[in-house]
Amino acid sequence: MNAVFLPVFHHFENGNVFTGSSGLFRYKITPSVVMATPKEVDHAASSIRAEYWHGLLSYEFSEIEGEKVFPMSEEGRVEMLNWLEENRLQQDHAENT
Protein backbone atom coordinates (compact mmCIF):
# COMPACT_ATOMS: atom_id res chain seq x y z
CA MET A 1 0.00 0.00 0.00
CA ASN A 2 1.22 3.53 -0.73
CA ALA A 3 2.39 5.87 1.99
CA VAL A 4 0.59 9.10 2.88
CA PHE A 5 1.35 11.99 0.51
CA LEU A 6 1.20 15.68 1.41
CA PRO A 7 1.94 18.63 -0.87
CA VAL A 8 4.67 21.14 -0.05
CA PHE A 9 4.23 23.53 2.88
CA HIS A 10 3.57 26.48 0.56
CA HIS A 11 0.31 24.77 -0.54
CA PHE A 12 -1.10 25.09 3.00
CA GLU A 13 0.47 28.49 3.62
CA ASN A 14 -1.66 29.76 0.71
CA GLY A 15 -4.85 28.49 2.38
CA ASN A 16 -5.41 25.47 0.13
CA VAL A 17 -7.30 22.43 1.45
CA PHE A 18 -5.96 18.99 0.53
CA THR A 19 -7.62 15.57 0.54
CA GLY A 20 -5.83 12.31 -0.06
CA SER A 21 -6.00 8.57 0.41
CA SER A 22 -3.87 5.48 0.75
CA GLY A 23 -5.97 2.38 0.22
CA LEU A 24 -9.07 2.85 2.40
CA PHE A 25 -7.29 5.40 4.63
CA ARG A 26 -8.63 8.86 3.77
CA TYR A 27 -7.55 12.25 5.08
CA LYS A 28 -8.36 15.94 4.77
CA ILE A 29 -5.99 18.79 5.60
CA THR A 30 -7.48 22.24 6.26
CA PRO A 31 -5.25 25.24 6.96
CA SER A 32 -6.35 28.17 9.11
CA VAL A 33 -4.32 31.09 7.79
CA VAL A 34 -4.02 34.38 9.66
CA MET A 35 -2.41 37.20 7.69
CA ALA A 36 0.10 39.52 9.41
CA THR A 37 -0.04 41.88 6.41
CA PRO A 38 -1.93 41.62 3.12
CA LYS A 39 1.00 39.62 1.71
CA GLU A 40 2.54 37.95 4.77
CA VAL A 41 1.24 34.99 6.79
CA ASP A 42 1.36 35.16 10.59
CA HIS A 43 2.75 31.66 11.09
CA ALA A 44 2.50 31.80 14.88
CA ALA A 45 -1.24 32.52 14.73
CA SER A 46 -1.96 30.09 11.87
CA SER A 47 -2.42 26.32 12.03
CA ILE A 48 -3.12 23.21 9.96
CA ARG A 49 -5.86 20.73 10.91
CA ALA A 50 -5.67 17.09 9.84
CA GLU A 51 -8.59 14.65 9.94
CA TYR A 52 -8.75 11.00 8.88
CA TRP A 53 -11.27 8.23 8.34
CA HIS A 54 -11.46 4.82 6.68
CA GLY A 55 -13.77 3.53 3.98
CA LEU A 56 -15.10 4.15 0.53
CA LEU A 57 -17.19 7.22 1.32
CA SER A 58 -16.23 10.87 0.98
CA TYR A 59 -15.57 13.22 3.89
CA GLU A 60 -19.17 14.44 4.05
CA PHE A 61 -20.55 10.91 4.43
CA SER A 62 -17.94 9.45 6.78
CA GLU A 63 -17.32 9.31 10.51
CA ILE A 64 -14.06 11.09 11.35
CA GLU A 65 -11.87 8.75 13.40
CA GLY A 66 -9.12 11.17 14.37
CA GLU A 67 -8.17 14.81 14.15
CA LYS A 68 -5.28 16.96 15.29
CA VAL A 69 -4.10 20.55 14.83
CA PHE A 70 -0.48 21.28 13.91
CA PRO A 71 1.61 24.47 13.76
CA MET A 72 1.75 26.33 10.45
CA SER A 73 5.38 25.50 9.69
CA GLU A 74 7.43 22.98 7.73
CA GLU A 75 8.08 21.19 11.03
CA GLY A 76 4.31 21.09 11.66
CA ARG A 77 3.78 19.65 8.17
CA VAL A 78 6.35 16.90 8.83
CA GLU A 79 4.79 16.15 12.24
CA MET A 80 1.37 15.93 10.56
CA LEU A 81 2.71 13.59 7.87
CA ASN A 82 4.20 11.30 10.53
CA TRP A 83 0.95 11.35 12.56
CA LEU A 84 -1.13 10.42 9.51
CA GLU A 85 1.31 7.68 8.53
CA GLU A 86 1.24 6.21 12.07
CA ASN A 87 -2.56 6.07 11.97
CA ARG A 88 -2.54 4.52 8.50
CA LEU A 89 -0.11 1.82 9.62
CA GLN A 90 -2.18 1.06 12.75
CA GLN A 91 -5.26 0.52 10.58
CA ASP A 92 -3.30 -1.65 8.13
CA HIS A 93 -2.05 -3.76 11.03
CA ALA A 94 -5.58 -4.12 12.47
CA GLU A 95 -6.95 -5.21 9.07
CA ASN A 96 -4.19 -7.80 8.60
CA THR A 97 -4.49 -9.51 12.00
PDB file of N, CA and C in Angstrom:
ATOM      1  N   MET A   1       0.845  -1.192   0.000  1.00  0.00           N
ATOM      2  CA  MET A   1       0.000   0.000   0.000  1.00  0.00           C
ATOM      3  C   MET A   1       0.885   1.248   0.000  1.00  0.00           C
ATOM      4  N   ASN A   2       0.452   2.278  -0.635  1.00  0.00           N
ATOM      5  CA  ASN A   2       1.220   3.525  -0.733  1.00  0.00           C
ATOM      6  C   ASN A   2       1.231   4.267   0.585  1.00  0.00           C
ATOM      7  N   ALA A   3       2.280   5.028   0.809  1.00  0.00           N
ATOM      8  CA  ALA A   3       2.393   5.873   1.990  1.00  0.00           C
ATOM      9  C   ALA A   3       1.542   7.135   1.812  1.00  0.00           C
ATOM     10  N   VAL A   4       1.342   7.835   2.902  1.00  0.00           N
ATOM     11  CA  VAL A   4       0.594   9.097   2.879  1.00  0.00           C
ATOM     12  C   VAL A   4       1.396  10.138   2.105  1.00  0.00           C
ATOM     13  N   PHE A   5       0.729  10.901   1.258  1.00  0.00           N
ATOM     14  CA  PHE A   5       1.351  11.993   0.507  1.00  0.00           C
ATOM     15  C   PHE A   5       0.771  13.320   0.973  1.00  0.00           C
ATOM     16  N   LEU A   6       1.630  14.305   1.150  1.00  0.00           N
ATOM     17  CA  LEU A   6       1.201  15.683   1.411  1.00  0.00           C
ATOM     18  C   LEU A   6       1.931  16.609   0.452  1.00  0.00           C
ATOM     19  N   PRO A   7       1.255  17.653  -0.021  1.00  0.00           N
ATOM     20  CA  PRO A   7       1.942  18.632  -0.866  1.00  0.00           C
ATOM     21  C   PRO A   7       2.931  19.458  -0.043  1.00  0.00           C
ATOM     22  N   VAL A   8       3.686  20.291  -0.721  1.00  0.00           N
ATOM     23  CA  VAL A   8       4.667  21.139  -0.046  1.00  0.00           C
ATOM     24  C   VAL A   8       3.992  22.114   0.911  1.00  0.00           C
ATOM     25  N   PHE A   9       4.743  22.613   1.869  1.00  0.00           N
ATOM     26  CA  PHE A   9       4.231  23.534   2.882  1.00  0.00           C
ATOM     27  C   PHE A   9       3.548  24.752   2.275  1.00  0.00           C
ATOM     28  N   HIS A  10       4.108  25.273   1.209  1.00  0.00           N
ATOM     29  CA  HIS A  10       3.573  26.478   0.559  1.00  0.00           C
ATOM     30  C   HIS A  10       2.099  26.299   0.156  1.00  0.00           C
ATOM     31  N   HIS A  11       1.703  25.073  -0.187  1.00  0.00           N
ATOM     32  CA  HIS A  11       0.308  24.769  -0.543  1.00  0.00           C
ATOM     33  C   HIS A  11      -0.626  25.172   0.603  1.00  0.00           C
ATOM     34  N   PHE A  12      -0.269  24.794   1.833  1.00  0.00           N
ATOM     35  CA  PHE A  12      -1.104  25.087   3.003  1.00  0.00           C
ATOM     36  C   PHE A  12      -0.973  26.546   3.420  1.00  0.00           C
ATOM     37  N   GLU A  13       0.218  27.090   3.281  1.00  0.00           N
ATOM     38  CA  GLU A  13       0.470  28.492   3.618  1.00  0.00           C
ATOM     39  C   GLU A  13      -0.417  29.419   2.786  1.00  0.00           C
ATOM     40  N   ASN A  14      -0.781  28.977   1.584  1.00  0.00           N
ATOM     41  CA  ASN A  14      -1.659  29.755   0.707  1.00  0.00           C
ATOM     42  C   ASN A  14      -3.138  29.496   0.965  1.00  0.00           C
ATOM     43  N   GLY A  15      -3.454  28.707   1.996  1.00  0.00           N
ATOM     44  CA  GLY A  15      -4.849  28.487   2.376  1.00  0.00           C
ATOM     45  C   GLY A  15      -5.551  27.378   1.619  1.00  0.00           C
ATOM     46  N   ASN A  16      -4.804  26.542   0.918  1.00  0.00           N
ATOM     47  CA  ASN A  16      -5.414  25.471   0.129  1.00  0.00           C
ATOM     48  C   ASN A  16      -5.704  24.237   0.972  1.00  0.00           C
ATOM     49  N   VAL A  17      -6.900  23.682   0.804  1.00  0.00           N
ATOM     50  CA  VAL A  17      -7.300  22.430   1.446  1.00  0.00           C
ATOM     51  C   VAL A  17      -6.747  21.286   0.598  1.00  0.00           C
ATOM     52  N   PHE A  18      -6.455  20.156   1.245  1.00  0.00           N
ATOM     53  CA  PHE A  18      -5.957  18.990   0.526  1.00  0.00           C
ATOM     54  C   PHE A  18      -6.644  17.736   1.060  1.00  0.00           C
ATOM     55  N   THR A  19      -7.105  16.881   0.157  1.00  0.00           N
ATOM     56  CA  THR A  19      -7.621  15.573   0.543  1.00  0.00           C
ATOM     57  C   THR A  19      -6.792  14.510  -0.160  1.00  0.00           C
ATOM     58  N   GLY A  20      -6.611  13.389   0.515  1.00  0.00           N
ATOM     59  CA  GLY A  20      -5.828  12.310  -0.059  1.00  0.00           C
ATOM     60  C   GLY A  20      -6.266  10.972   0.489  1.00  0.00           C
ATOM     61  N   SER A  21      -5.683   9.916  -0.055  1.00  0.00           N
ATOM     62  CA  SER A  21      -5.999   8.573   0.407  1.00  0.00           C
ATOM     63  C   SER A  21      -4.827   7.642   0.165  1.00  0.00           C
ATOM     64  N   SER A  22      -4.824   6.567   0.915  1.00  0.00           N
ATOM     65  CA  SER A  22      -3.868   5.478   0.754  1.00  0.00           C
ATOM     66  C   SER A  22      -4.655   4.212   1.054  1.00  0.00           C
ATOM     67  N   GLY A  23      -5.060   3.511   0.020  1.00  0.00           N
ATOM     68  CA  GLY A  23      -5.973   2.384   0.217  1.00  0.00           C
ATOM     69  C   GLY A  23      -7.302   2.917   0.717  1.00  0.00           C
ATOM     70  N   LEU A  24      -7.805   2.374   1.819  1.00  0.00           N
ATOM     71  CA  LEU A  24      -9.065   2.855   2.396  1.00  0.00           C
ATOM     72  C   LEU A  24      -8.854   3.937   3.451  1.00  0.00           C
ATOM     73  N   PHE A  25      -7.606   4.315   3.690  1.00  0.00           N
ATOM     74  CA  PHE A  25      -7.286   5.395   4.632  1.00  0.00           C
ATOM     75  C   PHE A  25      -7.458   6.717   3.900  1.00  0.00           C
ATOM     76  N   ARG A  26      -8.347   7.558   4.394  1.00  0.00           N
ATOM     77  CA  ARG A  26      -8.634   8.862   3.772  1.00  0.00           C
ATOM     78  C   ARG A  26      -8.270   9.973   4.756  1.00  0.00           C
ATOM     79  N   TYR A  27      -7.883  11.132   4.217  1.00  0.00           N
ATOM     80  CA  TYR A  27      -7.553  12.247   5.084  1.00  0.00           C
ATOM     81  C   TYR A  27      -7.836  13.581   4.402  1.00  0.00           C
ATOM     82  N   LYS A  28      -8.093  14.571   5.247  1.00  0.00           N
ATOM     83  CA  LYS A  28      -8.364  15.935   4.773  1.00  0.00           C
ATOM     84  C   LYS A  28      -7.524  16.885   5.610  1.00  0.00           C
ATOM     85  N   ILE A  29      -6.847  17.804   4.944  1.00  0.00           N
ATOM     86  CA  ILE A  29      -5.990  18.792   5.597  1.00  0.00           C
ATOM     87  C   ILE A  29      -6.570  20.174   5.308  1.00  0.00           C
ATOM     88  N   THR A  30      -6.866  20.918   6.391  1.00  0.00           N
ATOM     89  CA  THR A  30      -7.480  22.236   6.255  1.00  0.00           C
ATOM     90  C   THR A  30      -6.639  23.272   7.000  1.00  0.00           C
ATOM     91  N   PRO A  31      -6.035  24.200   6.287  1.00  0.00           N
ATOM     92  CA  PRO A  31      -5.252  25.243   6.964  1.00  0.00           C
ATOM     93  C   PRO A  31      -6.155  26.360   7.494  1.00  0.00           C
ATOM     94  N   SER A  32      -5.720  26.967   8.572  1.00  0.00           N
ATOM     95  CA  SER A  32      -6.348  28.166   9.113  1.00  0.00           C
ATOM     96  C   SER A  32      -5.273  29.242   9.058  1.00  0.00           C
ATOM     97  N   VAL A  33      -5.372  30.105   8.060  1.00  0.00           N
ATOM     98  CA  VAL A  33      -4.319  31.086   7.789  1.00  0.00           C
ATOM     99  C   VAL A  33      -4.720  32.456   8.325  1.00  0.00           C
ATOM    100  N   VAL A  34      -3.849  33.021   9.151  1.00  0.00           N
ATOM    101  CA  VAL A  34      -4.016  34.380   9.659  1.00  0.00           C
ATOM    102  C   VAL A  34      -2.932  35.226   8.998  1.00  0.00           C
ATOM    103  N   MET A  35      -3.349  36.331   8.398  1.00  0.00           N
ATOM    104  CA  MET A  35      -2.407  37.201   7.694  1.00  0.00           C
ATOM    105  C   MET A  35      -1.863  38.285   8.633  1.00  0.00           C
ATOM    106  N   ALA A  36      -0.540  38.451   8.644  1.00  0.00           N
ATOM    107  CA  ALA A  36       0.102  39.522   9.406  1.00  0.00           C
ATOM    108  C   ALA A  36      -0.017  40.837   8.647  1.00  0.00           C
ATOM    109  N   THR A  37       0.128  40.748   7.325  1.00  0.00           N
ATOM    110  CA  THR A  37      -0.045  41.880   6.410  1.00  0.00           C
ATOM    111  C   THR A  37      -0.808  41.322   5.209  1.00  0.00           C
ATOM    112  N   PRO A  38      -1.228  42.155   4.280  1.00  0.00           N
ATOM    113  CA  PRO A  38      -1.935  41.616   3.118  1.00  0.00           C
ATOM    114  C   PRO A  38      -1.137  40.576   2.317  1.00  0.00           C
ATOM    115  N   LYS A  39       0.174  40.563   2.480  1.00  0.00           N
ATOM    116  CA  LYS A  39       0.998  39.622   1.711  1.00  0.00           C
ATOM    117  C   LYS A  39       1.819  38.664   2.571  1.00  0.00           C
ATOM    118  N   GLU A  40       1.700  38.748   3.887  1.00  0.00           N
ATOM    119  CA  GLU A  40       2.543  37.947   4.767  1.00  0.00           C
ATOM    120  C   GLU A  40       1.700  37.175   5.775  1.00  0.00           C
ATOM    121  N   VAL A  41       1.960  35.855   5.860  1.00  0.00           N
ATOM    122  CA  VAL A  41       1.244  34.987   6.786  1.00  0.00           C
ATOM    123  C   VAL A  41       1.825  35.130   8.192  1.00  0.00           C
ATOM    124  N   ASP A  42       0.948  35.203   9.176  1.00  0.00           N
ATOM    125  CA  ASP A  42       1.357  35.165  10.587  1.00  0.00           C
ATOM    126  C   ASP A  42       1.419  33.691  10.981  1.00  0.00           C
ATOM    127  N   HIS A  43       2.590  33.101  10.849  1.00  0.00           N
ATOM    128  CA  HIS A  43       2.746  31.664  11.089  1.00  0.00           C
ATOM    129  C   HIS A  43       2.422  31.271  12.523  1.00  0.00           C
ATOM    130  N   ALA A  44       2.757  32.116  13.473  1.00  0.00           N
ATOM    131  CA  ALA A  44       2.504  31.799  14.879  1.00  0.00           C
ATOM    132  C   ALA A  44       1.008  31.721  15.187  1.00  0.00           C
ATOM    133  N   ALA A  45       0.203  32.507  14.494  1.00  0.00           N
ATOM    134  CA  ALA A  45      -1.240  32.522  14.727  1.00  0.00           C
ATOM    135  C   ALA A  45      -2.003  31.561  13.810  1.00  0.00           C
ATOM    136  N   SER A  46      -1.329  30.997  12.829  1.00  0.00           N
ATOM    137  CA  SER A  46      -1.956  30.091  11.868  1.00  0.00           C
ATOM    138  C   SER A  46      -1.744  28.639  12.284  1.00  0.00           C
ATOM    139  N   SER A  47      -2.553  27.740  11.712  1.00  0.00           N
ATOM    140  CA  SER A  47      -2.422  26.318  12.032  1.00  0.00           C
ATOM    141  C   SER A  47      -2.917  25.475  10.864  1.00  0.00           C
ATOM    142  N   ILE A  48      -2.667  24.162  10.970  1.00  0.00           N
ATOM    143  CA  ILE A  48      -3.123  23.212   9.959  1.00  0.00           C
ATOM    144  C   ILE A  48      -3.836  22.072  10.684  1.00  0.00           C
ATOM    145  N   ARG A  49      -5.074  21.786  10.278  1.00  0.00           N
ATOM    146  CA  ARG A  49      -5.864  20.728  10.907  1.00  0.00           C
ATOM    147  C   ARG A  49      -5.912  19.502   9.997  1.00  0.00           C
ATOM    148  N   ALA A  50      -5.609  18.344  10.576  1.00  0.00           N
ATOM    149  CA  ALA A  50      -5.667  17.086   9.836  1.00  0.00           C
ATOM    150  C   ALA A  50      -6.777  16.217  10.419  1.00  0.00           C
ATOM    151  N   GLU A  51      -7.544  15.582   9.541  1.00  0.00           N
ATOM    152  CA  GLU A  51      -8.592  14.646   9.942  1.00  0.00           C
ATOM    153  C   GLU A  51      -8.452  13.391   9.099  1.00  0.00           C
ATOM    154  N   TYR A  52      -8.801  12.229   9.668  1.00  0.00           N
ATOM    155  CA  TYR A  52      -8.752  11.004   8.883  1.00  0.00           C
ATOM    156  C   TYR A  52      -9.939  10.100   9.181  1.00  0.00           C
ATOM    157  N   TRP A  53     -10.211   9.229   8.223  1.00  0.00           N
ATOM    158  CA  TRP A  53     -11.267   8.230   8.335  1.00  0.00           C
ATOM    159  C   TRP A  53     -10.913   7.071   7.410  1.00  0.00           C
ATOM    160  N   HIS A  54     -11.673   5.993   7.528  1.00  0.00           N
ATOM    161  CA  HIS A  54     -11.459   4.819   6.680  1.00  0.00           C
ATOM    162  C   HIS A  54     -12.743   4.509   5.923  1.00  0.00           C
ATOM    163  N   GLY A  55     -12.607   3.987   4.725  1.00  0.00           N
ATOM    164  CA  GLY A  55     -13.765   3.534   3.979  1.00  0.00           C
ATOM    165  C   GLY A  55     -13.810   4.067   2.569  1.00  0.00           C
ATOM    166  N   LEU A  56     -14.913   3.762   1.920  1.00  0.00           N
ATOM    167  CA  LEU A  56     -15.097   4.145   0.526  1.00  0.00           C
ATOM    168  C   LEU A  56     -15.792   5.488   0.354  1.00  0.00           C
ATOM    169  N   LEU A  57     -16.388   6.002   1.428  1.00  0.00           N
ATOM    170  CA  LEU A  57     -17.192   7.216   1.316  1.00  0.00           C
ATOM    171  C   LEU A  57     -16.356   8.489   1.443  1.00  0.00           C
ATOM    172  N   SER A  58     -16.904   9.571   0.909  1.00  0.00           N
ATOM    173  CA  SER A  58     -16.233  10.870   0.976  1.00  0.00           C
ATOM    174  C   SER A  58     -16.322  11.443   2.388  1.00  0.00           C
ATOM    175  N   TYR A  59     -15.621  12.531   2.600  1.00  0.00           N
ATOM    176  CA  TYR A  59     -15.567  13.223   3.891  1.00  0.00           C
ATOM    177  C   TYR A  59     -16.964  13.493   4.444  1.00  0.00           C
ATOM    178  N   GLU A  60     -17.834  14.029   3.605  1.00  0.00           N
ATOM    179  CA  GLU A  60     -19.167  14.440   4.048  1.00  0.00           C
ATOM    180  C   GLU A  60     -20.022  13.277   4.542  1.00  0.00           C
ATOM    181  N   PHE A  61     -19.728  12.068   4.090  1.00  0.00           N
ATOM    182  CA  PHE A  61     -20.549  10.908   4.427  1.00  0.00           C
ATOM    183  C   PHE A  61     -19.832   9.927   5.348  1.00  0.00           C
ATOM    184  N   SER A  62     -18.745  10.344   5.958  1.00  0.00           N
ATOM    185  CA  SER A  62     -17.938   9.448   6.785  1.00  0.00           C
ATOM    186  C   SER A  62     -17.878   9.918   8.221  1.00  0.00           C
ATOM    187  N   GLU A  63     -17.544   8.982   9.105  1.00  0.00           N
ATOM    188  CA  GLU A  63     -17.317   9.306  10.508  1.00  0.00           C
ATOM    189  C   GLU A  63     -15.817   9.550  10.686  1.00  0.00           C
ATOM    190  N   ILE A  64     -15.467  10.740  11.151  1.00  0.00           N
ATOM    191  CA  ILE A  64     -14.061  11.095  11.354  1.00  0.00           C
ATOM    192  C   ILE A  64     -13.536  10.316  12.551  1.00  0.00           C
ATOM    193  N   GLU A  65     -12.437   9.613  12.361  1.00  0.00           N
ATOM    194  CA  GLU A  65     -11.873   8.753  13.399  1.00  0.00           C
ATOM    195  C   GLU A  65     -10.793   9.440  14.213  1.00  0.00           C
ATOM    196  N   GLY A  66     -10.169  10.458  13.651  1.00  0.00           N
ATOM    197  CA  GLY A  66      -9.124  11.171  14.367  1.00  0.00           C
ATOM    198  C   GLY A  66      -8.883  12.538  13.769  1.00  0.00           C
ATOM    199  N   GLU A  67      -8.499  13.466  14.618  1.00  0.00           N
ATOM    200  CA  GLU A  67      -8.166  14.807  14.147  1.00  0.00           C
ATOM    201  C   GLU A  67      -7.137  15.426  15.076  1.00  0.00           C
ATOM    202  N   LYS A  68      -6.318  16.302  14.517  1.00  0.00           N
ATOM    203  CA  LYS A  68      -5.279  16.962  15.294  1.00  0.00           C
ATOM    204  C   LYS A  68      -4.885  18.247  14.588  1.00  0.00           C
ATOM    205  N   VAL A  69      -4.529  19.259  15.371  1.00  0.00           N
ATOM    206  CA  VAL A  69      -4.101  20.550  14.834  1.00  0.00           C
ATOM    207  C   VAL A  69      -2.589  20.672  15.006  1.00  0.00           C
ATOM    208  N   PHE A  70      -1.923  21.160  13.951  1.00  0.00           N
ATOM    209  CA  PHE A  70      -0.481  21.277  13.910  1.00  0.00           C
ATOM    210  C   PHE A  70      -0.084  22.732  13.643  1.00  0.00           C
ATOM    211  N   PRO A  71       1.135  23.111  14.042  1.00  0.00           N
ATOM    212  CA  PRO A  71       1.614  24.471  13.759  1.00  0.00           C
ATOM    213  C   PRO A  71       1.756  24.713  12.256  1.00  0.00           C
ATOM    214  N   MET A  72       1.569  25.931  11.850  1.00  0.00           N
ATOM    215  CA  MET A  72       1.747  26.327  10.445  1.00  0.00           C
ATOM    216  C   MET A  72       3.239  26.551  10.214  1.00  0.00           C
ATOM    217  N   SER A  73       3.943  25.452   9.951  1.00  0.00           N
ATOM    218  CA  SER A  73       5.383  25.499   9.692  1.00  0.00           C
ATOM    219  C   SER A  73       5.762  24.226   8.950  1.00  0.00           C
ATOM    220  N   GLU A  74       6.955  24.202   8.387  1.00  0.00           N
ATOM    221  CA  GLU A  74       7.434  22.978   7.732  1.00  0.00           C
ATOM    222  C   GLU A  74       7.565  21.857   8.760  1.00  0.00           C
ATOM    223  N   GLU A  75       7.981  22.202   9.976  1.00  0.00           N
ATOM    224  CA  GLU A  75       8.080  21.193  11.028  1.00  0.00           C
ATOM    225  C   GLU A  75       6.700  20.644  11.370  1.00  0.00           C
ATOM    226  N   GLY A  76       5.689  21.526  11.410  1.00  0.00           N
ATOM    227  CA  GLY A  76       4.309  21.089  11.656  1.00  0.00           C
ATOM    228  C   GLY A  76       3.806  20.181  10.549  1.00  0.00           C
ATOM    229  N   ARG A  77       4.168  20.492   9.310  1.00  0.00           N
ATOM    230  CA  ARG A  77       3.785  19.655   8.167  1.00  0.00           C
ATOM    231  C   ARG A  77       4.391  18.263   8.285  1.00  0.00           C
ATOM    232  N   VAL A  78       5.671  18.198   8.670  1.00  0.00           N
ATOM    233  CA  VAL A  78       6.346  16.902   8.828  1.00  0.00           C
ATOM    234  C   VAL A  78       5.726  16.122   9.993  1.00  0.00           C
ATOM    235  N   GLU A  79       5.448  16.796  11.092  1.00  0.00           N
ATOM    236  CA  GLU A  79       4.794  16.152  12.239  1.00  0.00           C
ATOM    237  C   GLU A  79       3.425  15.599  11.829  1.00  0.00           C
ATOM    238  N   MET A  80       2.676  16.362  11.045  1.00  0.00           N
ATOM    239  CA  MET A  80       1.371  15.928  10.559  1.00  0.00           C
ATOM    240  C   MET A  80       1.508  14.706   9.658  1.00  0.00           C
ATOM    241  N   LEU A  81       2.470  14.729   8.760  1.00  0.00           N
ATOM    242  CA  LEU A  81       2.714  13.592   7.872  1.00  0.00           C
ATOM    243  C   LEU A  81       3.011  12.331   8.679  1.00  0.00           C
ATOM    244  N   ASN A  82       3.865  12.443   9.681  1.00  0.00           N
ATOM    245  CA  ASN A  82       4.199  11.298  10.533  1.00  0.00           C
ATOM    246  C   ASN A  82       2.981  10.796  11.305  1.00  0.00           C
ATOM    247  N   TRP A  83       2.160  11.711  11.816  1.00  0.00           N
ATOM    248  CA  TRP A  83       0.949  11.350  12.556  1.00  0.00           C
ATOM    249  C   TRP A  83      -0.026  10.598  11.647  1.00  0.00           C
ATOM    250  N   LEU A  84      -0.235  11.105  10.459  1.00  0.00           N
ATOM    251  CA  LEU A  84      -1.128  10.423   9.513  1.00  0.00           C
ATOM    252  C   LEU A  84      -0.587   9.049   9.148  1.00  0.00           C
ATOM    253  N   GLU A  85       0.702   8.956   8.892  1.00  0.00           N
ATOM    254  CA  GLU A  85       1.310   7.675   8.528  1.00  0.00           C
ATOM    255  C   GLU A  85       1.196   6.658   9.668  1.00  0.00           C
ATOM    256  N   GLU A  86       1.405   7.102  10.912  1.00  0.00           N
ATOM    257  CA  GLU A  86       1.238   6.211  12.066  1.00  0.00           C
ATOM    258  C   GLU A  86      -0.176   5.651  12.124  1.00  0.00           C
ATOM    259  N   ASN A  87      -1.163   6.512  11.919  1.00  0.00           N
ATOM    260  CA  ASN A  87      -2.555   6.066  11.967  1.00  0.00           C
ATOM    261  C   ASN A  87      -2.897   5.155  10.801  1.00  0.00           C
ATOM    262  N   ARG A  88      -2.328   5.400   9.647  1.00  0.00           N
ATOM    263  CA  ARG A  88      -2.541   4.522   8.496  1.00  0.00           C
ATOM    264  C   ARG A  88      -1.966   3.136   8.782  1.00  0.00           C
ATOM    265  N   LEU A  89      -0.762   3.098   9.328  1.00  0.00           N
ATOM    266  CA  LEU A  89      -0.114   1.821   9.619  1.00  0.00           C
ATOM    267  C   LEU A  89      -0.862   1.039  10.700  1.00  0.00           C
ATOM    268  N   GLN A  90      -1.393   1.729  11.706  1.00  0.00           N
ATOM    269  CA  GLN A  90      -2.182   1.062  12.746  1.00  0.00           C
ATOM    270  C   GLN A  90      -3.408   0.401  12.142  1.00  0.00           C
ATOM    271  N   GLN A  91      -4.078   1.088  11.227  1.00  0.00           N
ATOM    272  CA  GLN A  91      -5.264   0.517  10.584  1.00  0.00           C
ATOM    273  C   GLN A  91      -4.876  -0.663   9.699  1.00  0.00           C
ATOM    274  N   ASP A  92      -3.773  -0.542   8.961  1.00  0.00           N
ATOM    275  CA  ASP A  92      -3.305  -1.649   8.128  1.00  0.00           C
ATOM    276  C   ASP A  92      -3.026  -2.867   8.986  1.00  0.00           C
ATOM    277  N   HIS A  93      -2.376  -2.668  10.125  1.00  0.00           N
ATOM    278  CA  HIS A  93      -2.050  -3.765  11.029  1.00  0.00           C
ATOM    279  C   HIS A  93      -3.329  -4.424  11.556  1.00  0.00           C
ATOM    280  N   ALA A  94      -4.317  -3.601  11.944  1.00  0.00           N
ATOM    281  CA  ALA A  94      -5.577  -4.121  12.472  1.00  0.00           C
ATOM    282  C   ALA A  94      -6.328  -4.937  11.407  1.00  0.00           C
ATOM    283  N   GLU A  95      -6.261  -4.495  10.157  1.00  0.00           N
ATOM    284  CA  GLU A  95      -6.949  -5.206   9.070  1.00  0.00           C
ATOM    285  C   GLU A  95      -6.261  -6.518   8.727  1.00  0.00           C
ATOM    286  N   ASN A  96      -4.951  -6.612   8.962  1.00  0.00           N
ATOM    287  CA  ASN A  96      -4.187  -7.802   8.599  1.00  0.00           C
ATOM    288  C   ASN A  96      -4.021  -8.821   9.724  1.00  0.00           C
ATOM    289  N   THR A  97      -4.611  -8.554  10.894  1.00  0.00           N
ATOM    290  CA  THR A  97      -4.492  -9.512  11.997  1.00  0.00           C
ATOM    291  C   THR A  97      -5.792 -10.210  12.271  1.00  0.00           C
TER     292      THR A  97
END
